[in-house]
Amino acid sequence: MKQLYHLTLRHTVLFFKDKGRFLTALITPIVLIVLYMTFLGTIYHDSLDSIVKYFLNTHNLQVTI
Protein backbone atom coordinates (compact mmCIF):
# COMPACT_ATOMS: atom_id res chain seq x y z
CA MET A 1 0.00 0.00 0.00
CA LYS A 2 2.88 2.32 0.78
CA GLN A 3 4.35 1.73 -2.68
CA LEU A 4 1.08 2.67 -4.37
CA TYR A 5 0.92 5.89 -2.35
CA HIS A 6 4.48 6.87 -3.31
CA LEU A 7 3.89 6.01 -6.96
CA THR A 8 0.69 8.07 -7.03
CA LEU A 9 2.41 10.96 -5.29
CA ARG A 10 5.31 10.84 -7.75
CA HIS A 11 3.02 10.93 -10.78
CA THR A 12 0.91 13.72 -9.32
CA VAL A 13 3.98 15.86 -8.67
CA LEU A 14 5.28 15.21 -12.18
CA PHE A 15 1.90 16.07 -13.70
CA PHE A 16 1.58 19.41 -11.93
CA LYS A 17 5.25 20.25 -12.42
CA ASP A 18 4.89 20.50 -16.21
CA LYS A 19 2.73 23.61 -16.80
CA GLY A 20 2.19 22.83 -20.49
CA ARG A 21 0.81 19.38 -19.78
CA PHE A 22 -1.44 20.74 -17.05
CA LEU A 23 -2.89 23.48 -19.30
CA THR A 24 -3.33 21.02 -22.16
CA ALA A 25 -5.28 18.71 -19.87
CA LEU A 26 -7.60 21.59 -18.92
CA ILE A 27 -8.30 22.78 -22.47
CA THR A 28 -10.75 19.99 -23.36
CA PRO A 29 -13.10 20.44 -20.37
CA ILE A 30 -13.06 24.22 -20.79
CA VAL A 31 -13.90 23.97 -24.51
CA LEU A 32 -16.70 21.49 -23.81
CA ILE A 33 -18.23 23.68 -21.11
CA VAL A 34 -18.11 26.76 -23.35
CA LEU A 35 -19.71 24.87 -26.25
CA TYR A 36 -22.39 23.45 -23.99
CA MET A 37 -23.23 26.84 -22.54
CA THR A 38 -23.24 28.44 -25.99
CA PHE A 39 -25.46 25.99 -27.82
CA LEU A 40 -27.45 24.13 -25.17
CA GLY A 41 -27.63 26.56 -22.27
CA THR A 42 -30.99 28.07 -23.19
CA ILE A 43 -32.53 24.67 -23.95
CA TYR A 44 -31.43 23.35 -20.57
CA HIS A 45 -32.71 26.48 -18.81
CA ASP A 46 -36.11 26.34 -20.56
CA SER A 47 -36.60 22.65 -19.82
CA LEU A 48 -35.68 23.13 -16.18
CA ASP A 49 -38.17 25.99 -15.88
CA SER A 50 -40.95 23.89 -17.41
CA ILE A 51 -40.22 20.98 -15.06
CA VAL A 52 -40.32 23.24 -12.01
CA LYS A 53 -43.57 24.88 -13.14
CA TYR A 54 -45.13 21.47 -13.82
CA PHE A 55 -44.08 20.19 -10.40
CA LEU A 56 -45.46 23.27 -8.65
CA ASN A 57 -48.76 23.07 -10.54
CA THR A 58 -49.12 19.32 -9.93
CA HIS A 59 -48.70 19.66 -6.18
CA ASN A 60 -50.82 22.81 -5.87
CA LEU A 61 -47.94 24.88 -4.61
CA GLN A 62 -47.98 28.55 -5.35
CA VAL A 63 -44.56 30.08 -5.61
CA THR A 64 -43.73 32.99 -7.87
CA ILE A 65 -40.55 32.63 -9.82
PDB file of N, CA and C in Angstrom:
ATOM      1  N   MET A   1       0.822  -1.186   0.000  1.00  0.00           N
ATOM      2  CA  MET A   1       0.000   0.000   0.000  1.00  0.00           C
ATOM      3  C   MET A   1       0.869   1.254   0.000  1.00  0.00           C
ATOM      4  N   LYS A   2       1.973   1.190   0.708  1.00  0.00           N
ATOM      5  CA  LYS A   2       2.877   2.318   0.775  1.00  0.00           C
ATOM      6  C   LYS A   2       3.495   2.615  -0.596  1.00  0.00           C
ATOM      7  N   GLN A   3       3.772   1.552  -1.355  1.00  0.00           N
ATOM      8  CA  GLN A   3       4.349   1.728  -2.684  1.00  0.00           C
ATOM      9  C   GLN A   3       3.370   2.414  -3.625  1.00  0.00           C
ATOM     10  N   LEU A   4       2.103   2.046  -3.536  1.00  0.00           N
ATOM     11  CA  LEU A   4       1.083   2.671  -4.367  1.00  0.00           C
ATOM     12  C   LEU A   4       0.951   4.152  -4.039  1.00  0.00           C
ATOM     13  N   TYR A   5       0.996   4.492  -2.768  1.00  0.00           N
ATOM     14  CA  TYR A   5       0.923   5.892  -2.350  1.00  0.00           C
ATOM     15  C   TYR A   5       2.085   6.687  -2.925  1.00  0.00           C
ATOM     16  N   HIS A   6       3.308   6.158  -2.812  1.00  0.00           N
ATOM     17  CA  HIS A   6       4.481   6.869  -3.314  1.00  0.00           C
ATOM     18  C   HIS A   6       4.460   6.988  -4.840  1.00  0.00           C
ATOM     19  N   LEU A   7       3.996   5.958  -5.512  1.00  0.00           N
ATOM     20  CA  LEU A   7       3.891   6.006  -6.961  1.00  0.00           C
ATOM     21  C   LEU A   7       2.867   7.046  -7.403  1.00  0.00           C
ATOM     22  N   THR A   8       1.728   7.087  -6.728  1.00  0.00           N
ATOM     23  CA  THR A   8       0.691   8.068  -7.033  1.00  0.00           C
ATOM     24  C   THR A   8       1.178   9.479  -6.748  1.00  0.00           C
ATOM     25  N   LEU A   9       1.864   9.653  -5.640  1.00  0.00           N
ATOM     26  CA  LEU A   9       2.407  10.964  -5.290  1.00  0.00           C
ATOM     27  C   LEU A   9       3.436  11.416  -6.319  1.00  0.00           C
ATOM     28  N   ARG A  10       4.287  10.511  -6.753  1.00  0.00           N
ATOM     29  CA  ARG A  10       5.308  10.844  -7.751  1.00  0.00           C
ATOM     30  C   ARG A  10       4.674  11.293  -9.060  1.00  0.00           C
ATOM     31  N   HIS A  11       3.666  10.577  -9.524  1.00  0.00           N
ATOM     32  CA  HIS A  11       3.016  10.933 -10.781  1.00  0.00           C
ATOM     33  C   HIS A  11       2.223  12.233 -10.664  1.00  0.00           C
ATOM     34  N   THR A  12       1.641  12.463  -9.525  1.00  0.00           N
ATOM     35  CA  THR A  12       0.910  13.717  -9.320  1.00  0.00           C
ATOM     36  C   THR A  12       1.859  14.908  -9.335  1.00  0.00           C
ATOM     37  N   VAL A  13       2.987  14.785  -8.685  1.00  0.00           N
ATOM     38  CA  VAL A  13       3.979  15.860  -8.670  1.00  0.00           C
ATOM     39  C   VAL A  13       4.513  16.100 -10.078  1.00  0.00           C
ATOM     40  N   LEU A  14       4.795  15.048 -10.812  1.00  0.00           N
ATOM     41  CA  LEU A  14       5.281  15.205 -12.184  1.00  0.00           C
ATOM     42  C   LEU A  14       4.237  15.848 -13.088  1.00  0.00           C
ATOM     43  N   PHE A  15       2.959  15.502 -12.882  1.00  0.00           N
ATOM     44  CA  PHE A  15       1.896  16.065 -13.703  1.00  0.00           C
ATOM     45  C   PHE A  15       1.766  17.568 -13.474  1.00  0.00           C
ATOM     46  N   PHE A  16       1.766  17.993 -12.228  1.00  0.00           N
ATOM     47  CA  PHE A  16       1.581  19.407 -11.934  1.00  0.00           C
ATOM     48  C   PHE A  16       2.862  20.212 -12.115  1.00  0.00           C
ATOM     49  N   LYS A  17       3.996  19.553 -12.224  1.00  0.00           N
ATOM     50  CA  LYS A  17       5.254  20.249 -12.424  1.00  0.00           C
ATOM     51  C   LYS A  17       5.354  20.807 -13.841  1.00  0.00           C
ATOM     52  N   ASP A  18       4.837  20.077 -14.814  1.00  0.00           N
ATOM     53  CA  ASP A  18       4.888  20.504 -16.206  1.00  0.00           C
ATOM     54  C   ASP A  18       3.657  21.367 -16.503  1.00  0.00           C
ATOM     55  N   LYS A  19       3.858  22.678 -16.612  1.00  0.00           N
ATOM     56  CA  LYS A  19       2.734  23.607 -16.797  1.00  0.00           C
ATOM     57  C   LYS A  19       2.034  23.387 -18.134  1.00  0.00           C
ATOM     58  N   GLY A  20       2.792  23.061 -19.175  1.00  0.00           N
ATOM     59  CA  GLY A  20       2.193  22.834 -20.485  1.00  0.00           C
ATOM     60  C   GLY A  20       1.257  21.651 -20.489  1.00  0.00           C
ATOM     61  N   ARG A  21       1.656  20.574 -19.851  1.00  0.00           N
ATOM     62  CA  ARG A  21       0.810  19.382 -19.781  1.00  0.00           C
ATOM     63  C   ARG A  21      -0.445  19.662 -18.961  1.00  0.00           C
ATOM     64  N   PHE A  22      -0.301  20.421 -17.901  1.00  0.00           N
ATOM     65  CA  PHE A  22      -1.440  20.744 -17.050  1.00  0.00           C
ATOM     66  C   PHE A  22      -2.456  21.602 -17.811  1.00  0.00           C
ATOM     67  N   LEU A  23      -1.978  22.627 -18.530  1.00  0.00           N
ATOM     68  CA  LEU A  23      -2.887  23.484 -19.297  1.00  0.00           C
ATOM     69  C   LEU A  23      -3.526  22.719 -20.456  1.00  0.00           C
ATOM     70  N   THR A  24      -2.770  21.830 -21.082  1.00  0.00           N
ATOM     71  CA  THR A  24      -3.326  21.020 -22.161  1.00  0.00           C
ATOM     72  C   THR A  24      -4.427  20.105 -21.643  1.00  0.00           C
ATOM     73  N   ALA A  25      -4.262  19.589 -20.454  1.00  0.00           N
ATOM     74  CA  ALA A  25      -5.278  18.714 -19.873  1.00  0.00           C
ATOM     75  C   ALA A  25      -6.544  19.492 -19.526  1.00  0.00           C
ATOM     76  N   LEU A  26      -6.431  20.786 -19.265  1.00  0.00           N
ATOM     77  CA  LEU A  26      -7.602  21.594 -18.921  1.00  0.00           C
ATOM     78  C   LEU A  26      -8.323  22.172 -20.134  1.00  0.00           C
ATOM     79  N   ILE A  27      -7.690  22.164 -21.291  1.00  0.00           N
ATOM     80  CA  ILE A  27      -8.301  22.777 -22.469  1.00  0.00           C
ATOM     81  C   ILE A  27      -9.586  22.067 -22.873  1.00  0.00           C
ATOM     82  N   THR A  28      -9.574  20.745 -22.909  1.00  0.00           N
ATOM     83  CA  THR A  28     -10.746  19.995 -23.356  1.00  0.00           C
ATOM     84  C   THR A  28     -11.975  20.247 -22.486  1.00  0.00           C
ATOM     85  N   PRO A  29     -11.896  20.152 -21.160  1.00  0.00           N
ATOM     86  CA  PRO A  29     -13.101  20.438 -20.371  1.00  0.00           C
ATOM     87  C   PRO A  29     -13.589  21.882 -20.520  1.00  0.00           C
ATOM     88  N   ILE A  30     -12.662  22.818 -20.640  1.00  0.00           N
ATOM     89  CA  ILE A  30     -13.063  24.219 -20.795  1.00  0.00           C
ATOM     90  C   ILE A  30     -13.781  24.420 -22.117  1.00  0.00           C
ATOM     91  N   VAL A  31     -13.258  23.847 -23.198  1.00  0.00           N
ATOM     92  CA  VAL A  31     -13.900  23.973 -24.508  1.00  0.00           C
ATOM     93  C   VAL A  31     -15.276  23.328 -24.482  1.00  0.00           C
ATOM     94  N   LEU A  32     -15.401  22.163 -23.870  1.00  0.00           N
ATOM     95  CA  LEU A  32     -16.696  21.489 -23.814  1.00  0.00           C
ATOM     96  C   LEU A  32     -17.722  22.282 -23.013  1.00  0.00           C
ATOM     97  N   ILE A  33     -17.304  22.875 -21.915  1.00  0.00           N
ATOM     98  CA  ILE A  33     -18.226  23.680 -21.107  1.00  0.00           C
ATOM     99  C   ILE A  33     -18.678  24.919 -21.872  1.00  0.00           C
ATOM    100  N   VAL A  34     -17.756  25.567 -22.567  1.00  0.00           N
ATOM    101  CA  VAL A  34     -18.113  26.763 -23.351  1.00  0.00           C
ATOM    102  C   VAL A  34     -19.079  26.386 -24.473  1.00  0.00           C
ATOM    103  N   LEU A  35     -18.805  25.295 -25.189  1.00  0.00           N
ATOM    104  CA  LEU A  35     -19.712  24.870 -26.254  1.00  0.00           C
ATOM    105  C   LEU A  35     -21.082  24.497 -25.708  1.00  0.00           C
ATOM    106  N   TYR A  36     -21.107  23.819 -24.588  1.00  0.00           N
ATOM    107  CA  TYR A  36     -22.387  23.448 -23.985  1.00  0.00           C
ATOM    108  C   TYR A  36     -23.186  24.686 -23.604  1.00  0.00           C
ATOM    109  N   MET A  37     -22.530  25.623 -22.958  1.00  0.00           N
ATOM    110  CA  MET A  37     -23.226  26.840 -22.544  1.00  0.00           C
ATOM    111  C   MET A  37     -23.677  27.653 -23.749  1.00  0.00           C
ATOM    112  N   THR A  38     -22.896  27.651 -24.812  1.00  0.00           N
ATOM    113  CA  THR A  38     -23.239  28.444 -25.990  1.00  0.00           C
ATOM    114  C   THR A  38     -24.440  27.870 -26.730  1.00  0.00           C
ATOM    115  N   PHE A  39     -24.436  26.575 -26.971  1.00  0.00           N
ATOM    116  CA  PHE A  39     -25.462  25.986 -27.819  1.00  0.00           C
ATOM    117  C   PHE A  39     -26.624  25.368 -27.054  1.00  0.00           C
ATOM    118  N   LEU A  40     -26.393  24.844 -25.873  1.00  0.00           N
ATOM    119  CA  LEU A  40     -27.446  24.125 -25.173  1.00  0.00           C
ATOM    120  C   LEU A  40     -27.892  24.783 -23.871  1.00  0.00           C
ATOM    121  N   GLY A  41     -27.300  25.904 -23.530  1.00  0.00           N
ATOM    122  CA  GLY A  41     -27.630  26.563 -22.268  1.00  0.00           C
ATOM    123  C   GLY A  41     -29.076  26.992 -22.176  1.00  0.00           C
ATOM    124  N   THR A  42     -29.606  27.601 -23.241  1.00  0.00           N
ATOM    125  CA  THR A  42     -30.989  28.075 -23.194  1.00  0.00           C
ATOM    126  C   THR A  42     -31.971  26.911 -23.202  1.00  0.00           C
ATOM    127  N   ILE A  43     -31.649  25.840 -23.932  1.00  0.00           N
ATOM    128  CA  ILE A  43     -32.529  24.668 -23.954  1.00  0.00           C
ATOM    129  C   ILE A  43     -32.603  24.049 -22.564  1.00  0.00           C
ATOM    130  N   TYR A  44     -31.461  23.920 -21.916  1.00  0.00           N
ATOM    131  CA  TYR A  44     -31.435  23.352 -20.568  1.00  0.00           C
ATOM    132  C   TYR A  44     -32.211  24.241 -19.599  1.00  0.00           C
ATOM    133  N   HIS A  45     -32.030  25.543 -19.712  1.00  0.00           N
ATOM    134  CA  HIS A  45     -32.707  26.484 -18.814  1.00  0.00           C
ATOM    135  C   HIS A  45     -34.211  26.415 -19.025  1.00  0.00           C
ATOM    136  N   ASP A  46     -34.677  26.395 -20.268  1.00  0.00           N
ATOM    137  CA  ASP A  46     -36.109  26.339 -20.558  1.00  0.00           C
ATOM    138  C   ASP A  46     -36.737  25.036 -20.069  1.00  0.00           C
ATOM    139  N   SER A  47     -36.041  23.919 -20.271  1.00  0.00           N
ATOM    140  CA  SER A  47     -36.604  22.645 -19.824  1.00  0.00           C
ATOM    141  C   SER A  47     -36.658  22.572 -18.304  1.00  0.00           C
ATOM    142  N   LEU A  48     -35.666  23.113 -17.637  1.00  0.00           N
ATOM    143  CA  LEU A  48     -35.681  23.125 -16.179  1.00  0.00           C
ATOM    144  C   LEU A  48     -36.820  23.995 -15.655  1.00  0.00           C
ATOM    145  N   ASP A  49     -37.047  25.136 -16.285  1.00  0.00           N
ATOM    146  CA  ASP A  49     -38.168  25.988 -15.884  1.00  0.00           C
ATOM    147  C   ASP A  49     -39.506  25.280 -16.059  1.00  0.00           C
ATOM    148  N   SER A  50     -39.679  24.579 -17.178  1.00  0.00           N
ATOM    149  CA  SER A  50     -40.946  23.894 -17.406  1.00  0.00           C
ATOM    150  C   SER A  50     -41.156  22.752 -16.418  1.00  0.00           C
ATOM    151  N   ILE A  51     -40.098  22.058 -16.051  1.00  0.00           N
ATOM    152  CA  ILE A  51     -40.215  20.981 -15.065  1.00  0.00           C
ATOM    153  C   ILE A  51     -40.611  21.533 -13.709  1.00  0.00           C
ATOM    154  N   VAL A  52     -39.993  22.642 -13.308  1.00  0.00           N
ATOM    155  CA  VAL A  52     -40.318  23.241 -12.010  1.00  0.00           C
ATOM    156  C   VAL A  52     -41.757  23.733 -12.002  1.00  0.00           C
ATOM    157  N   LYS A  53     -42.193  24.387 -13.070  1.00  0.00           N
ATOM    158  CA  LYS A  53     -43.571  24.875 -13.136  1.00  0.00           C
ATOM    159  C   LYS A  53     -44.566  23.715 -13.114  1.00  0.00           C
ATOM    160  N   TYR A  54     -44.256  22.630 -13.827  1.00  0.00           N
ATOM    161  CA  TYR A  54     -45.128  21.466 -13.818  1.00  0.00           C
ATOM    162  C   TYR A  54     -45.221  20.868 -12.417  1.00  0.00           C
ATOM    163  N   PHE A  55     -44.088  20.749 -11.749  1.00  0.00           N
ATOM    164  CA  PHE A  55     -44.076  20.194 -10.395  1.00  0.00           C
ATOM    165  C   PHE A  55     -44.881  21.060  -9.438  1.00  0.00           C
ATOM    166  N   LEU A  56     -44.721  22.372  -9.541  1.00  0.00           N
ATOM    167  CA  LEU A  56     -45.455  23.268  -8.648  1.00  0.00           C
ATOM    168  C   LEU A  56     -46.953  23.219  -8.922  1.00  0.00           C
ATOM    169  N   ASN A  57     -47.337  23.129 -10.196  1.00  0.00           N
ATOM    170  CA  ASN A  57     -48.762  23.066 -10.537  1.00  0.00           C
ATOM    171  C   ASN A  57     -49.370  21.725 -10.151  1.00  0.00           C
ATOM    172  N   THR A  58     -48.618  20.648 -10.256  1.00  0.00           N
ATOM    173  CA  THR A  58     -49.116  19.322  -9.926  1.00  0.00           C
ATOM    174  C   THR A  58     -49.389  19.184  -8.436  1.00  0.00           C
ATOM    175  N   HIS A  59     -48.561  19.783  -7.628  1.00  0.00           N
ATOM    176  CA  HIS A  59     -48.699  19.657  -6.182  1.00  0.00           C
ATOM    177  C   HIS A  59     -49.398  20.842  -5.536  1.00  0.00           C
ATOM    178  N   ASN A  60     -50.037  21.660  -6.340  1.00  0.00           N
ATOM    179  CA  ASN A  60     -50.825  22.806  -5.874  1.00  0.00           C
ATOM    180  C   ASN A  60     -50.006  23.748  -4.981  1.00  0.00           C
ATOM    181  N   LEU A  61     -48.772  23.938  -5.324  1.00  0.00           N
ATOM    182  CA  LEU A  61     -47.942  24.880  -4.608  1.00  0.00           C
ATOM    183  C   LEU A  61     -47.917  26.191  -5.374  1.00  0.00           C
ATOM    184  N   GLN A  62     -47.978  27.264  -4.666  1.00  0.00           N
ATOM    185  CA  GLN A  62     -47.979  28.552  -5.353  1.00  0.00           C
ATOM    186  C   GLN A  62     -46.744  29.332  -4.918  1.00  0.00           C
ATOM    187  N   VAL A  63     -45.803  29.347  -5.834  1.00  0.00           N
ATOM    188  CA  VAL A  63     -44.556  30.081  -5.614  1.00  0.00           C
ATOM    189  C   VAL A  63     -44.313  30.887  -6.868  1.00  0.00           C
ATOM    190  N   THR A  64     -44.039  32.152  -6.696  1.00  0.00           N
ATOM    191  CA  THR A  64     -43.735  32.986  -7.871  1.00  0.00           C
ATOM    192  C   THR A  64     -42.251  32.929  -8.152  1.00  0.00           C
ATOM    193  N   ILE A  65     -41.960  32.723  -9.411  1.00  0.00           N
ATOM    194  CA  ILE A  65     -40.547  32.627  -9.817  1.00  0.00           C
ATOM    195  C   ILE A  65     -40.180  33.863 -10.596  1.00  0.00           C
TER     196      ILE A  65
END
